[in-house]
Amino acid sequence: MKIRLLASLVTLLLTVILFSIMFTYAFSESSYVYVDQEKGSDLNNGSIDSPFATINKAIEHYNRQEINTNSNFAGKIILCSDYVLLNPSDFNETQHRNTHIEISSIDSSVLYIAPNTNYYLGGPTTFKNINISVKGKVNFVANFNSITFDTGVKVLFENASSKINVFGGYKEYLNEVLQ
C-alpha cells in the first residue's frame, strides 16, 4: 500500500514538473518575434521560420496580445538580418505604451539609419545586442518614454560628421530645439 502511494506521489510530482516546464517554454517562445527585412513578410506570423518584414509589424503583434502591464514583460523583437532605414525622414514606431519593446539581433545584425533621420519611440524601448550604423546626424526622440542602450550595443559612426542625439521630449519640442 505504501509503495503504491509513493508511486502515485512520484507520478503526480513528475506531471507537475513536466507541465511547469512546458508552460515556461511556451511563454518564453511567445515573447519573441522575428523580423527579416529581406525574406520576411508582414503577412507572416513573426516566428523564426515565418518572420515579419518590419519592426512596426512586430510592435503591432505585441499590441494585439493581452499583456499584464504590471509585469516586467518585454516584447522581444529579434532582427534576423540587417535592417535598413535608408530614406532620411522620420521613423515612427507604432505606439506601444503598455509594452516595453526590446530590439536585438541574431549574429550582430546591423540597424542602418540614414542621415538626418528622426527615430520616434512609440513606447519604452531597449536596444540590446545590436549594431547601429549612422551616417550623419540621427536623433532618437523618446516622447517621454524610457530609451535604453543596453549591453552589446555597438554604434558604428560611418564618417566624421556622424552623431547621435537622444531627446526625451515630444516631436514639437525637437522642432523648437532644432530651429
Foldseek 3Di string as FASTA:
>chain_A
DVVVVVVVVVVVVVVVVVVVVVVVVVVVQVLEFEEELPPEDLVFDRHPVHHHNDPQSLLVNVVPDDDDLPDPRAREYEYAAAAEQADQEEAERAADASHEYEYEYDPQHEHEHHANYEYEYNAHYEYEQHEYEYEAEYEYEDQQHHYYDDYNYHYHYPDPRYDYHYHDHDPVVVVVVVD
